[in-house]
Protein backbone atom coordinates (compact mmCIF):
# COMPACT_ATOMS: atom_id res chain seq x y z
CA UNK A 1 0.00 0.00 0.00
CA UNK A 2 1.34 3.43 -0.85
CA UNK A 3 0.36 6.81 0.51
CA UNK A 4 -1.20 9.50 -1.64
CA UNK A 5 -1.16 13.02 -0.25
CA UNK A 6 -3.87 15.46 -1.29
CA UNK A 7 -3.60 19.19 -0.63
CA UNK A 8 -7.29 19.71 0.15
CA UNK A 9 -10.43 17.71 0.81
CA UNK A 10 -12.42 16.48 -0.92
CA UNK A 11 -10.66 15.24 -4.07
CA UNK A 12 -12.47 13.54 -6.95
CA UNK A 13 -11.77 9.84 -7.43
CA UNK A 14 -10.97 10.01 -11.14
CA UNK A 15 -8.42 12.79 -10.57
CA UNK A 16 -6.51 10.72 -8.03
CA UNK A 17 -6.23 7.81 -10.48
CA UNK A 18 -5.01 10.21 -13.15
CA UNK A 19 -2.51 12.13 -11.02
CA UNK A 20 -1.07 8.92 -9.56
CA UNK A 21 -0.45 7.65 -13.12
CA UNK A 22 -2.63 4.57 -12.69
CA UNK A 23 -4.35 5.54 -15.96
CA UNK A 24 -3.20 7.53 -18.99
CA UNK A 25 -5.97 10.16 -18.94
CA UNK A 26 -9.00 11.49 -17.13
CA UNK A 27 -11.21 9.81 -19.72
CA UNK A 28 -9.60 6.45 -19.04
CA UNK A 29 -10.02 7.00 -15.30
CA UNK A 30 -13.73 7.71 -15.74
CA UNK A 31 -14.09 4.60 -17.92
CA UNK A 32 -12.45 2.16 -15.47
CA UNK A 33 -14.50 3.62 -12.61
CA UNK A 34 -17.78 3.31 -14.51
CA UNK A 35 -16.87 -0.28 -15.45
CA UNK A 36 -16.61 -1.21 -11.75
CA UNK A 37 -12.84 -1.81 -11.78
CA UNK A 38 -12.10 0.49 -8.82
CA UNK A 39 -12.64 -0.31 -5.15
CA UNK A 40 -13.06 2.37 -2.51
CA UNK A 41 -12.70 1.16 1.06
CA UNK A 42 -13.20 -2.43 -0.11
CA UNK A 43 -16.37 -1.83 -2.15
CA UNK A 44 -16.88 -1.27 -5.88
CA UNK A 45 -17.23 2.45 -6.62
CA UNK A 46 -18.78 3.54 -9.93
CA UNK A 47 -19.19 7.27 -9.26
CA UNK A 48 -16.45 9.06 -11.20
CA UNK A 49 -16.64 12.24 -9.16
CA UNK A 50 -16.95 10.49 -5.79
CA UNK A 51 -15.48 12.77 -3.16
CA UNK A 52 -12.40 11.21 -1.57
CA UNK A 53 -11.34 12.13 1.94
CA UNK A 54 -8.22 11.45 4.01
CA UNK A 55 -8.27 7.89 5.31
CA UNK A 56 -9.95 6.42 2.22
CA UNK A 57 -8.30 3.44 0.51
CA UNK A 58 -8.49 3.14 -3.28
CA UNK A 59 -7.71 -0.13 -5.05
CA UNK A 60 -7.12 -0.44 -8.79
CA UNK A 61 -4.86 -2.47 -11.06
CA UNK A 62 -3.21 -4.34 -8.22
CA UNK A 63 -2.34 -1.11 -6.38
CA UNK A 64 -3.66 0.10 -3.04
CA UNK A 65 -3.57 3.81 -2.28
CA UNK A 66 -4.10 5.26 1.20
CA UNK A 67 -5.24 8.89 0.98
CA UNK A 68 -3.70 11.37 3.39
CA UNK A 69 -4.18 15.11 3.78
CA UNK A 70 -1.13 17.34 3.38
CA UNK A 71 -0.27 18.96 6.73
CA UNK A 72 -1.00 22.68 6.94
């Protein structure tokens, strides 16, 4: 599991996949989410713009990402 630090809450799910280079583009991120290939906190998440908060765990493509908030 690797940590992902976001600068503010909430962050949109598809943007995290894109910025962490798990997909090539925002469009691809939206596609894999809508196809049910992404887990959020152990459950399938199909909402592309799902708001992600610190503490959430995203799973996709064999990777696990733990979301953390950047310290002020």
